[in-house]
Protein backbone atom coordinates (compact mmCIF):
# COMPACT_ATOMS: atom_id res chain seq x y z
CA MET A 1 0.26 0.13 -0.19
CA ASN A 2 1.13 3.60 -0.92
CA ARG A 3 1.30 6.47 1.62
CA TYR A 4 -1.41 8.16 -0.52
CA SER A 5 -5.27 7.80 0.39
CA THR A 6 -6.36 4.82 -0.31
CA ALA A 7 -9.77 5.93 -2.15
CA GLY A 8 -9.54 5.80 -5.66
CA LYS A 9 -7.18 3.97 -8.29
CA LEU A 10 -5.08 4.94 -11.07
CA VAL A 11 -7.31 4.73 -13.96
CA ARG A 12 -6.62 4.89 -18.31
CA ASP A 13 -6.81 8.26 -19.25
CA ARG A 14 -10.14 7.42 -21.11
CA ILE A 15 -11.96 5.95 -18.58
CA PRO A 16 -13.57 9.41 -17.08
CA GLN A 17 -15.24 9.84 -20.68
CA ILE A 18 -16.33 6.09 -20.92
CA ILE A 19 -17.85 6.30 -17.80
CA ARG A 20 -19.64 9.74 -18.79
CA ASP A 21 -20.65 7.79 -21.98
CA GLU A 22 -22.22 5.54 -20.08
CA GLY A 23 -24.60 8.44 -18.12
CA ALA A 24 -22.42 8.36 -14.78
CA GLU A 25 -20.18 11.39 -13.35
CA PRO A 26 -16.78 10.05 -12.32
CA LEU A 27 -15.39 11.76 -9.56
CA VAL A 28 -11.48 12.00 -10.22
CA ARG A 29 -8.76 14.03 -9.64
CA THR A 30 -5.03 14.06 -10.91
CA ALA A 31 -2.28 12.43 -8.77
CA GLY A 32 0.87 14.63 -8.18
CA PRO A 33 4.47 13.21 -9.28
CA GLU A 34 5.36 11.20 -6.48
CA GLU A 35 1.95 10.01 -6.12
CA TYR A 36 1.62 9.13 -9.66
CA ARG A 37 4.97 7.01 -9.65
CA SER A 38 3.51 4.94 -6.40
CA ARG A 39 0.51 4.41 -7.94
CA LEU A 40 2.08 3.19 -11.08
CA ARG A 41 4.13 0.62 -9.23
CA GLU A 42 1.14 -0.48 -7.50
CA LYS A 43 -0.80 -0.87 -10.65
CA LEU A 44 1.86 -2.84 -12.18
CA GLY A 45 1.55 -5.17 -9.37
CA GLU A 46 -2.07 -5.52 -10.09
CA GLU A 47 -1.74 -5.86 -13.80
CA VAL A 48 0.80 -8.81 -13.29
CA ALA A 49 -1.29 -10.47 -10.86
CA GLU A 50 -4.44 -10.12 -13.33
CA PHE A 51 -2.02 -12.02 -16.02
CA LEU A 52 -0.91 -14.56 -13.87
CA ALA A 53 -4.65 -15.65 -13.12
CA ALA A 54 -5.49 -15.18 -16.53
CA ASP A 55 -6.42 -18.04 -18.85
CA GLU A 56 -4.55 -18.55 -21.85
CA ALA A 57 -7.48 -16.79 -24.00
CA ASP A 58 -6.79 -13.80 -21.70
CA ALA A 59 -3.33 -13.43 -21.23
CA VAL A 60 -2.33 -11.40 -24.12
CA GLU A 61 -5.05 -8.63 -23.22
CA GLU A 62 -3.40 -8.89 -19.56
CA LEU A 63 0.11 -8.58 -20.83
CA ALA A 64 -0.90 -5.64 -22.85
CA ASP A 65 -1.77 -4.00 -19.66
CA VAL A 66 1.47 -4.88 -18.09
CA LEU A 67 3.13 -3.48 -20.85
CA GLU A 68 1.12 -0.06 -20.62
CA VAL A 69 1.82 0.12 -17.01
CA VAL A 70 5.81 -0.72 -17.76
CA ARG A 71 5.79 2.04 -20.44
CA ALA A 72 4.18 4.42 -18.28
CA LEU A 73 6.38 4.04 -15.53
CA ALA A 74 9.48 4.20 -18.22
CA ALA A 75 8.05 7.62 -18.95
CA ASP A 76 8.06 8.74 -15.77
CA LEU A 77 11.60 7.83 -15.17
CA GLY A 78 12.64 9.88 -18.27
CA VAL A 79 12.76 6.76 -20.66
CA ALA A 80 11.36 6.71 -24.13
CA PRO A 81 10.31 3.37 -25.55
CA GLY A 82 12.80 3.04 -28.08
CA GLN A 83 15.57 3.56 -25.36
CA LEU A 84 13.65 0.96 -22.69
CA GLU A 85 13.69 -1.41 -26.03
CA LYS A 86 17.84 -0.48 -26.40
CA ILE A 87 18.13 -1.27 -22.92
CA ARG A 88 16.35 -4.69 -22.99
CA GLU A 89 18.55 -5.55 -26.20
CA ALA A 90 21.38 -4.76 -24.54
CA LYS A 91 20.85 -6.73 -21.37
CA ALA A 92 19.46 -9.94 -24.12
CA ARG A 93 22.84 -9.51 -26.06
CA GLU A 94 24.78 -9.90 -22.44
CA ARG A 95 23.20 -12.09 -20.67
CA GLY A 96 20.48 -13.60 -23.00
CA GLY A 97 16.81 -13.92 -23.35
CA PHE A 98 14.42 -16.56 -22.38
CA THR A 99 13.92 -18.52 -25.68
CA GLU A 100 15.83 -21.46 -24.92
CA ARG A 101 13.66 -21.97 -21.36
CA VAL A 102 17.02 -22.43 -19.58
CA VAL A 103 16.14 -23.35 -15.84
CA TRP A 104 18.90 -23.03 -13.61
CA THR A 105 18.73 -25.80 -10.31
CA GLY A 106 22.43 -24.44 -8.93
CA ASN A 107 26.19 -25.23 -8.85
CA ARG A 108 27.95 -28.21 -8.23
């Protein structure tokens, strides 16, 4: 839990308009910079949990939500999507990716 009010949660930008289009009036406010970063971290945990709980049919949609939050976190840290991808590529070159399905069980 973050140190900010537990009331409300971070939602996608168009959610208030979607609620209005459905005939209700949403109660919203804009988070400050520190709260925004904290709520993005919380949101990442929520989205990862939803992905982990999803069946195969819903997994890709949930994974897209995780990616959206990751991109927002990167932007908040001043990192553009292209720069984030370059960092990912460099780590993959140096340490590899996960395509070979290697499971480490310890050392002798």
